[in-house]
Amino acid sequence: DGSGAPWGCNLIHSPQEPALEQAVADLYIARGV
């Protein structure tokens, strides 16, 4: 983050674990990914 270099994370569709998919998306929003 200090260098300005770009990065990202994967968000995979999880039909068997929709709560986990939602939790990961919420985490990305909260952490500024």
Full PDB file with SEQRES, HELIX, SHEET, SSBOND, CRYST1, ORIGX, SCALE, CONECT and MASTER records, all heavy atoms in Angstrom:
SEQRES   1 A   33  ASP GLY SER GLY ALA PRO TRP GLY CYS ASN LEU ILE HIS          
SEQRES   2 A   33  SER PRO GLN GLU PRO ALA LEU GLU GLN ALA VAL ALA ASP          
SEQRES   3 A   33  LEU TYR ILE ALA ARG GLY VAL                                  
HELIX    1 AA1 PRO A   18  ARG A   31  1                                  14    
CRYST1    1.000    1.000    1.000  90.00  90.00  90.00 P 1           1          
ORIGX1      1.000000  0.000000  0.000000        0.00000                         
ORIGX2      0.000000  1.000000  0.000000        0.00000                         
ORIGX3      0.000000  0.000000  1.000000        0.00000                         
SCALE1      1.000000  0.000000  0.000000        0.00000                         
SCALE2      0.000000  1.000000  0.000000        0.00000                         
SCALE3      0.000000  0.000000  1.000000        0.00000                         
ATOM      1  N   ASP A   1       0.808  -1.224   0.000  1.00  0.00           N  
ATOM      2  CA  ASP A   1       0.000   0.000   0.000  1.00  0.00           C  
ATOM      3  C   ASP A   1       0.839   1.271   0.000  1.00  0.00           C  
ATOM      4  O   ASP A   1       0.492   2.254  -0.646  1.00  0.00           O  
ATOM      5  CB  ASP A   1      -0.952   0.001   1.193  1.00  0.00           C  
ATOM      6  CG  ASP A   1      -2.208  -0.833   0.915  1.00  0.00           C  
ATOM      7  OD1 ASP A   1      -2.317  -1.351  -0.205  1.00  0.00           O  
ATOM      8  OD2 ASP A   1      -3.038  -0.971   1.821  1.00  0.00           O  
ATOM      9  N   GLY A   2       1.947   1.260   0.694  1.00  0.00           N  
ATOM     10  CA  GLY A   2       2.783   2.458   0.736  1.00  0.00           C  
ATOM     11  C   GLY A   2       3.470   2.758  -0.579  1.00  0.00           C  
ATOM     12  O   GLY A   2       3.800   3.905  -0.875  1.00  0.00           O  
ATOM     13  N   SER A   3       3.672   1.721  -1.407  1.00  0.00           N  
ATOM     14  CA  SER A   3       4.386   1.895  -2.674  1.00  0.00           C  
ATOM     15  C   SER A   3       3.469   2.286  -3.818  1.00  0.00           C  
ATOM     16  O   SER A   3       3.932   2.697  -4.880  1.00  0.00           O  
ATOM     17  CB  SER A   3       5.094   0.585  -3.042  1.00  0.00           C  
ATOM     18  OG  SER A   3       4.147  -0.438  -3.305  1.00  0.00           O  
ATOM     19  N   GLY A   4       2.176   2.115  -3.619  1.00  0.00           N  
ATOM     20  CA  GLY A   4       1.236   2.407  -4.696  1.00  0.00           C  
ATOM     21  C   GLY A   4       1.112   1.287  -5.710  1.00  0.00           C  
ATOM     22  O   GLY A   4       0.409   1.422  -6.711  1.00  0.00           O  
ATOM     23  N   ALA A   5       1.797   0.152  -5.475  1.00  0.00           N  
ATOM     24  CA  ALA A   5       1.717  -0.978  -6.398  1.00  0.00           C  
ATOM     25  C   ALA A   5       0.322  -1.601  -6.335  1.00  0.00           C  
ATOM     26  O   ALA A   5      -0.249  -1.751  -5.256  1.00  0.00           O  
ATOM     27  CB  ALA A   5       2.770  -2.023  -6.045  1.00  0.00           C  
ATOM     28  N   PRO A   6      -0.246  -1.960  -7.465  1.00  0.00           N  
ATOM     29  CA  PRO A   6      -1.613  -2.507  -7.481  1.00  0.00           C  
ATOM     30  C   PRO A   6      -1.654  -3.946  -6.987  1.00  0.00           C  
ATOM     31  O   PRO A   6      -0.708  -4.710  -7.171  1.00  0.00           O  
ATOM     32  CB  PRO A   6      -1.991  -2.424  -8.961  1.00  0.00           C  
ATOM     33  CG  PRO A   6      -0.690  -2.584  -9.681  1.00  0.00           C  
ATOM     34  CD  PRO A   6       0.336  -1.890  -8.818  1.00  0.00           C  
ATOM     35  N   TRP A   7      -2.756  -4.322  -6.359  1.00  0.00           N  
ATOM     36  CA  TRP A   7      -2.974  -5.709  -5.969  1.00  0.00           C  
ATOM     37  C   TRP A   7      -4.468  -5.931  -5.765  1.00  0.00           C  
ATOM     38  O   TRP A   7      -5.237  -4.986  -5.671  1.00  0.00           O  
ATOM     39  CB  TRP A   7      -2.208  -6.073  -4.698  1.00  0.00           C  
ATOM     40  CG  TRP A   7      -2.582  -5.270  -3.475  1.00  0.00           C  
ATOM     41  CD1 TRP A   7      -2.085  -4.045  -3.123  1.00  0.00           C  
ATOM     42  CD2 TRP A   7      -3.523  -5.624  -2.450  1.00  0.00           C  
ATOM     43  NE1 TRP A   7      -2.653  -3.606  -1.953  1.00  0.00           N  
ATOM     44  CE2 TRP A   7      -3.533  -4.558  -1.505  1.00  0.00           C  
ATOM     45  CE3 TRP A   7      -4.343  -6.720  -2.229  1.00  0.00           C  
ATOM     46  CZ2 TRP A   7      -4.338  -4.578  -0.367  1.00  0.00           C  
ATOM     47  CZ3 TRP A   7      -5.151  -6.742  -1.097  1.00  0.00           C  
ATOM     48  CH2 TRP A   7      -5.136  -5.680  -0.177  1.00  0.00           C  
ATOM     49  N   GLY A   8      -4.852  -7.186  -5.737  1.00  0.00           N  
ATOM     50  CA  GLY A   8      -6.259  -7.512  -5.534  1.00  0.00           C  
ATOM     51  C   GLY A   8      -6.414  -8.892  -4.946  1.00  0.00           C  
ATOM     52  O   GLY A   8      -5.428  -9.574  -4.646  1.00  0.00           O  
ATOM     53  N   CYS A   9      -7.646  -9.322  -4.757  1.00  0.00           N  
ATOM     54  CA  CYS A   9      -7.967 -10.638  -4.195  1.00  0.00           C  
ATOM     55  C   CYS A   9      -9.057 -11.297  -5.027  1.00  0.00           C  
ATOM     56  O   CYS A   9      -9.803 -10.630  -5.737  1.00  0.00           O  
ATOM     57  CB  CYS A   9      -8.438 -10.517  -2.746  1.00  0.00           C  
ATOM     58  SG  CYS A   9      -7.164  -9.993  -1.565  1.00  0.00           S  
ATOM     59  N   ASN A  10      -9.128 -12.597  -4.892  1.00  0.00           N  
ATOM     60  CA  ASN A  10     -10.164 -13.360  -5.589  1.00  0.00           C  
ATOM     61  C   ASN A  10     -11.433 -13.444  -4.752  1.00  0.00           C  
ATOM     62  O   ASN A  10     -11.370 -13.525  -3.527  1.00  0.00           O  
ATOM     63  CB  ASN A  10      -9.636 -14.773  -5.885  1.00  0.00           C  
ATOM     64  CG  ASN A  10     -10.713 -15.696  -6.424  1.00  0.00           C  
ATOM     65  OD1 ASN A  10     -11.270 -16.505  -5.703  1.00  0.00           O  
ATOM     66  ND2 ASN A  10     -11.018 -15.549  -7.699  1.00  0.00           N  
ATOM     67  N   LEU A  11     -12.566 -13.398  -5.417  1.00  0.00           N  
ATOM     68  CA  LEU A  11     -13.849 -13.697  -4.778  1.00  0.00           C  
ATOM     69  C   LEU A  11     -14.512 -14.779  -5.618  1.00  0.00           C  
ATOM     70  O   LEU A  11     -14.937 -14.518  -6.743  1.00  0.00           O  
ATOM     71  CB  LEU A  11     -14.750 -12.458  -4.697  1.00  0.00           C  
ATOM     72  CG  LEU A  11     -16.131 -12.697  -4.075  1.00  0.00           C  
ATOM     73  CD1 LEU A  11     -16.004 -13.147  -2.626  1.00  0.00           C  
ATOM     74  CD2 LEU A  11     -16.997 -11.436  -4.154  1.00  0.00           C  
ATOM     75  N   ILE A  12     -14.562 -15.986  -5.081  1.00  0.00           N  
ATOM     76  CA  ILE A  12     -15.114 -17.100  -5.851  1.00  0.00           C  
ATOM     77  C   ILE A  12     -16.567 -17.338  -5.457  1.00  0.00           C  
ATOM     78  O   ILE A  12     -16.942 -17.200  -4.289  1.00  0.00           O  
ATOM     79  CB  ILE A  12     -14.277 -18.387  -5.637  1.00  0.00           C  
ATOM     80  CG1 ILE A  12     -14.654 -19.438  -6.690  1.00  0.00           C  
ATOM     81  CG2 ILE A  12     -14.438 -18.935  -4.223  1.00  0.00           C  
ATOM     82  CD1 ILE A  12     -13.661 -20.572  -6.804  1.00  0.00           C  
ATOM     83  N   HIS A  13     -17.374 -17.637  -6.452  1.00  0.00           N  
ATOM     84  CA  HIS A  13     -18.770 -17.970  -6.188  1.00  0.00           C  
ATOM     85  C   HIS A  13     -18.819 -19.285  -5.411  1.00  0.00           C  
ATOM     86  O   HIS A  13     -18.196 -20.275  -5.801  1.00  0.00           O  
ATOM     87  CB  HIS A  13     -19.529 -18.116  -7.506  1.00  0.00           C  
ATOM     88  CG  HIS A  13     -20.945 -18.537  -7.347  1.00  0.00           C  
ATOM     89  ND1 HIS A  13     -21.791 -17.974  -6.411  1.00  0.00           N  
ATOM     90  CD2 HIS A  13     -21.683 -19.486  -8.004  1.00  0.00           C  
ATOM     91  CE1 HIS A  13     -22.982 -18.532  -6.494  1.00  0.00           C  
ATOM     92  NE2 HIS A  13     -22.948 -19.457  -7.449  1.00  0.00           N  
ATOM     93  N   SER A  14     -19.546 -19.295  -4.302  1.00  0.00           N  
ATOM     94  CA  SER A  14     -19.598 -20.471  -3.432  1.00  0.00           C  
ATOM     95  C   SER A  14     -21.050 -20.886  -3.208  1.00  0.00           C  
ATOM     96  O   SER A  14     -21.648 -20.536  -2.181  1.00  0.00           O  
ATOM     97  CB  SER A  14     -18.926 -20.173  -2.087  1.00  0.00           C  
ATOM     98  OG  SER A  14     -17.596 -19.725  -2.276  1.00  0.00           O  
ATOM     99  N   PRO A  15     -21.638 -21.601  -4.166  1.00  0.00           N  
ATOM    100  CA  PRO A  15     -23.057 -21.958  -4.046  1.00  0.00           C  
ATOM    101  C   PRO A  15     -23.364 -22.829  -2.835  1.00  0.00           C  
ATOM    102  O   PRO A  15     -24.489 -22.808  -2.324  1.00  0.00           O  
ATOM    103  CB  PRO A  15     -23.351 -22.693  -5.360  1.00  0.00           C  
ATOM    104  CG  PRO A  15     -22.023 -23.157  -5.855  1.00  0.00           C  
ATOM    105  CD  PRO A  15     -21.049 -22.118  -5.418  1.00  0.00           C  
ATOM    106  N   GLN A  16     -22.375 -23.602  -2.356  1.00  0.00           N  
ATOM    107  CA  GLN A  16     -22.595 -24.444  -1.185  1.00  0.00           C  
ATOM    108  C   GLN A  16     -22.349 -23.684   0.117  1.00  0.00           C  
ATOM    109  O   GLN A  16     -22.729 -24.160   1.196  1.00  0.00           O  
ATOM    110  CB  GLN A  16     -21.672 -25.681  -1.245  1.00  0.00           C  
ATOM    111  CG  GLN A  16     -21.780 -26.479  -2.531  1.00  0.00           C  
ATOM    112  CD  GLN A  16     -23.186 -26.972  -2.809  1.00  0.00           C  
ATOM    113  OE1 GLN A  16     -23.937 -27.263  -1.886  1.00  0.00           O  
ATOM    114  NE2 GLN A  16     -23.547 -27.065  -4.086  1.00  0.00           N  
ATOM    115  N   GLU A  17     -21.699 -22.510   0.022  1.00  0.00           N  
ATOM    116  CA  GLU A  17     -21.397 -21.706   1.211  1.00  0.00           C  
ATOM    117  C   GLU A  17     -21.682 -20.221   0.933  1.00  0.00           C  
ATOM    118  O   GLU A  17     -20.767 -19.400   0.940  1.00  0.00           O  
ATOM    119  CB  GLU A  17     -19.950 -21.882   1.625  1.00  0.00           C  
ATOM    120  CG  GLU A  17     -19.547 -23.295   2.027  1.00  0.00           C  
ATOM    121  CD  GLU A  17     -18.095 -23.367   2.441  1.00  0.00           C  
ATOM    122  OE1 GLU A  17     -17.782 -23.062   3.604  1.00  0.00           O  
ATOM    123  OE2 GLU A  17     -17.264 -23.730   1.586  1.00  0.00           O  
ATOM    124  N   PRO A  18     -22.926 -19.875   0.690  1.00  0.00           N  
ATOM    125  CA  PRO A  18     -23.232 -18.473   0.374  1.00  0.00           C  
ATOM    126  C   PRO A  18     -22.871 -17.510   1.500  1.00  0.00           C  
ATOM    127  O   PRO A  18     -22.508 -16.361   1.239  1.00  0.00           O  
ATOM    128  CB  PRO A  18     -24.747 -18.496   0.110  1.00  0.00           C  
ATOM    129  CG  PRO A  18     -25.242 -19.736   0.796  1.00  0.00           C  
ATOM    130  CD  PRO A  18     -24.135 -20.726   0.688  1.00  0.00           C  
ATOM    131  N   ALA A  19     -22.949 -17.976   2.747  1.00  0.00           N  
ATOM    132  CA  ALA A  19     -22.597 -17.105   3.870  1.00  0.00           C  
ATOM    133  C   ALA A  19     -21.116 -16.745   3.846  1.00  0.00           C  
ATOM    134  O   ALA A  19     -20.736 -15.605   4.159  1.00  0.00           O  
ATOM    135  CB  ALA A  19     -22.953 -17.780   5.195  1.00  0.00           C  
ATOM    136  N   LEU A  20     -20.277 -17.707   3.459  1.00  0.00           N  
ATOM    137  CA  LEU A  20     -18.843 -17.433   3.372  1.00  0.00           C  
ATOM    138  C   LEU A  20     -18.548 -16.460   2.237  1.00  0.00           C  
ATOM    139  O   LEU A  20     -17.731 -15.541   2.381  1.00  0.00           O  
ATOM    140  CB  LEU A  20     -18.067 -18.733   3.159  1.00  0.00           C  
ATOM    141  CG  LEU A  20     -16.553 -18.582   2.991  1.00  0.00           C  
ATOM    142  CD1 LEU A  20     -15.922 -17.967   4.236  1.00  0.00           C  
ATOM    143  CD2 LEU A  20     -15.902 -19.930   2.677  1.00  0.00           C  
ATOM    144  N   GLU A  21     -19.210 -16.655   1.100  1.00  0.00           N  
ATOM    145  CA  GLU A  21     -19.033 -15.733  -0.030  1.00  0.00           C  
ATOM    146  C   GLU A  21     -19.377 -14.304   0.389  1.00  0.00           C  
ATOM    147  O   GLU A  21     -18.648 -13.355   0.092  1.00  0.00           O  
ATOM    148  CB  GLU A  21     -19.910 -16.165  -1.202  1.00  0.00           C  
ATOM    149  CG  GLU A  21     -19.803 -15.271  -2.425  1.00  0.00           C  
ATOM    150  CD  GLU A  21     -20.772 -15.674  -3.520  1.00  0.00           C  
ATOM    151  OE1 GLU A  21     -20.933 -16.897  -3.758  1.00  0.00           O  
ATOM    152  OE2 GLU A  21     -21.373 -14.777  -4.151  1.00  0.00           O  
ATOM    153  N   GLN A  22     -20.494 -14.158   1.106  1.00  0.00           N  
ATOM    154  CA  GLN A  22     -20.908 -12.842   1.575  1.00  0.00           C  
ATOM    155  C   GLN A  22     -19.916 -12.280   2.590  1.00  0.00           C  
ATOM    156  O   GLN A  22     -19.572 -11.087   2.554  1.00  0.00           O  
ATOM    157  CB  GLN A  22     -22.295 -12.921   2.209  1.00  0.00           C  
ATOM    158  CG  GLN A  22     -22.866 -11.570   2.641  1.00  0.00           C  
ATOM    159  CD  GLN A  22     -23.076 -10.642   1.465  1.00  0.00           C  
ATOM    160  OE1 GLN A  22     -23.901 -10.926   0.590  1.00  0.00           O  
ATOM    161  NE2 GLN A  22     -22.342  -9.540   1.414  1.00  0.00           N  
ATOM    162  N   ALA A  23     -19.431 -13.139   3.479  1.00  0.00           N  
ATOM    163  CA  ALA A  23     -18.493 -12.685   4.509  1.00  0.00           C  
ATOM    164  C   ALA A  23     -17.181 -12.215   3.899  1.00  0.00           C  
ATOM    165  O   ALA A  23     -16.598 -11.214   4.346  1.00  0.00           O  
ATOM    166  CB  ALA A  23     -18.243 -13.808   5.513  1.00  0.00           C  
ATOM    167  N   VAL A  24     -16.713 -12.914   2.870  1.00  0.00           N  
ATOM    168  CA  VAL A  24     -15.465 -12.498   2.208  1.00  0.00           C  
ATOM    169  C   VAL A  24     -15.666 -11.158   1.501  1.00  0.00           C  
ATOM    170  O   VAL A  24     -14.810 -10.269   1.579  1.00  0.00           O  
ATOM    171  CB  VAL A  24     -15.001 -13.583   1.211  1.00  0.00           C  
ATOM    172  CG1 VAL A  24     -13.812 -13.079   0.392  1.00  0.00           C  
ATOM    173  CG2 VAL A  24     -14.612 -14.859   1.958  1.00  0.00           C  
ATOM    174  N   ALA A  25     -16.803 -10.989   0.825  1.00  0.00           N  
ATOM    175  CA  ALA A  25     -17.096  -9.708   0.167  1.00  0.00           C  
ATOM    176  C   ALA A  25     -17.167  -8.583   1.196  1.00  0.00           C  
ATOM    177  O   ALA A  25     -16.632  -7.485   0.972  1.00  0.00           O  
ATOM    178  CB  ALA A  25     -18.406  -9.807  -0.612  1.00  0.00           C  
ATOM    179  N   ASP A  26     -17.827  -8.835   2.327  1.00  0.00           N  
ATOM    180  CA  ASP A  26     -17.910  -7.829   3.390  1.00  0.00           C  
ATOM    181  C   ASP A  26     -16.521  -7.477   3.911  1.00  0.00           C  
ATOM    182  O   ASP A  26     -16.224  -6.314   4.209  1.00  0.00           O  
ATOM    183  CB  ASP A  26     -18.780  -8.343   4.545  1.00  0.00           C  
ATOM    184  CG  ASP A  26     -20.249  -8.460   4.162  1.00  0.00           C  
ATOM    185  OD1 ASP A  26     -20.645  -7.888   3.126  1.00  0.00           O  
ATOM    186  OD2 ASP A  26     -20.998  -9.136   4.901  1.00  0.00           O  
ATOM    187  N   LEU A  27     -15.674  -8.501   4.050  1.00  0.00           N  
ATOM    188  CA  LEU A  27     -14.303  -8.274   4.521  1.00  0.00           C  
ATOM    189  C   LEU A  27     -13.542  -7.378   3.552  1.00  0.00           C  
ATOM    190  O   LEU A  27     -12.833  -6.446   3.976  1.00  0.00           O  
ATOM    191  CB  LEU A  27     -13.577  -9.617   4.668  1.00  0.00           C  
ATOM    192  CG  LEU A  27     -12.099  -9.544   5.072  1.00  0.00           C  
ATOM    193  CD1 LEU A  27     -11.948  -8.994   6.489  1.00  0.00           C  
ATOM    194  CD2 LEU A  27     -11.457 -10.940   4.966  1.00  0.00           C  
ATOM    195  N   TYR A  28     -13.694  -7.636   2.250  1.00  0.00           N  
ATOM    196  CA  TYR A  28     -12.998  -6.818   1.255  1.00  0.00           C  
ATOM    197  C   TYR A  28     -13.446  -5.358   1.326  1.00  0.00           C  
ATOM    198  O   TYR A  28     -12.633  -4.435   1.207  1.00  0.00           O  
ATOM    199  CB  TYR A  28     -13.252  -7.369  -0.148  1.00  0.00           C  
ATOM    200  CG  TYR A  28     -12.578  -8.701  -0.429  1.00  0.00           C  
ATOM    201  CD1 TYR A  28     -12.982  -9.484  -1.508  1.00  0.00           C  
ATOM    202  CD2 TYR A  28     -11.547  -9.170   0.368  1.00  0.00           C  
ATOM    203  CE1 TYR A  28     -12.379 -10.697  -1.780  1.00  0.00           C  
ATOM    204  CE2 TYR A  28     -10.933 -10.385   0.103  1.00  0.00           C  
ATOM    205  CZ  TYR A  28     -11.355 -11.146  -0.968  1.00  0.00           C  
ATOM    206  OH  TYR A  28     -10.751 -12.346  -1.242  1.00  0.00           O  
ATOM    207  N   ILE A  29     -14.735  -5.150   1.518  1.00  0.00           N  
ATOM    208  CA  ILE A  29     -15.248  -3.774   1.612  1.00  0.00           C  
ATOM    209  C   ILE A  29     -14.705  -3.102   2.867  1.00  0.00           C  
ATOM    210  O   ILE A  29     -14.227  -1.964   2.823  1.00  0.00           O  
ATOM    211  CB  ILE A  29     -16.789  -3.783   1.613  1.00  0.00           C  
ATOM    212  CG1 ILE A  29     -17.318  -4.266   0.253  1.00  0.00           C  
ATOM    213  CG2 ILE A  29     -17.338  -2.389   1.926  1.00  0.00           C  
ATOM    214  CD1 ILE A  29     -18.811  -4.517   0.233  1.00  0.00           C  
ATOM    215  N   ALA A  30     -14.767  -3.804   3.988  1.00  0.00           N  
ATOM    216  CA  ALA A  30     -14.323  -3.232   5.260  1.00  0.00           C  
ATOM    217  C   ALA A  30     -12.826  -2.941   5.257  1.00  0.00           C  
ATOM    218  O   ALA A  30     -12.385  -1.939   5.849  1.00  0.00           O  
ATOM    219  CB  ALA A  30     -14.666  -4.181   6.403  1.00  0.00           C  
ATOM    220  N   ARG A  31     -12.043  -3.787   4.568  1.00  0.00           N  
ATOM    221  CA  ARG A  31     -10.585  -3.624   4.589  1.00  0.00           C  
ATOM    222  C   ARG A  31     -10.062  -2.803   3.420  1.00  0.00           C  
ATOM    223  O   ARG A  31      -8.851  -2.630   3.286  1.00  0.00           O  
ATOM    224  CB  ARG A  31      -9.922  -5.008   4.583  1.00  0.00           C  
ATOM    225  CG  ARG A  31     -10.270  -5.878   5.804  1.00  0.00           C  
ATOM    226  CD  ARG A  31      -9.740  -5.280   7.103  1.00  0.00           C  
ATOM    227  NE  ARG A  31      -8.320  -5.077   7.012  1.00  0.00           N  
ATOM    228  CZ  ARG A  31      -7.408  -6.028   7.222  1.00  0.00           C  
ATOM    229  NH1 ARG A  31      -7.809  -7.250   7.564  1.00  0.00           N  
ATOM    230  NH2 ARG A  31      -6.130  -5.763   7.128  1.00  0.00           N  
ATOM    231  N   GLY A  32     -10.923  -2.313   2.576  1.00  0.00           N  
ATOM    232  CA  GLY A  32     -10.487  -1.465   1.475  1.00  0.00           C  
ATOM    233  C   GLY A  32      -9.753  -2.191   0.367  1.00  0.00           C  
ATOM    234  O   GLY A  32      -8.867  -1.614  -0.277  1.00  0.00           O  
ATOM    235  N   VAL A  33     -10.120  -3.445   0.113  1.00  0.00           N  
ATOM    236  CA  VAL A  33      -9.558  -4.169  -1.033  1.00  0.00           C  
ATOM    237  C   VAL A  33     -10.249  -3.635  -2.285  1.00  0.00           C  
ATOM    238  O   VAL A  33     -11.446  -3.860  -2.480  1.00  0.00           O  
ATOM    239  CB  VAL A  33      -9.774  -5.692  -0.887  1.00  0.00           C  
ATOM    240  CG1 VAL A  33      -9.252  -6.425  -2.119  1.00  0.00           C  
ATOM    241  CG2 VAL A  33      -9.085  -6.197   0.374  1.00  0.00           C  
TER     242      VAL A  33                                                      
MASTER        0    0    0    1    0    0    0    6  241    1    0    3          
END                                                                             
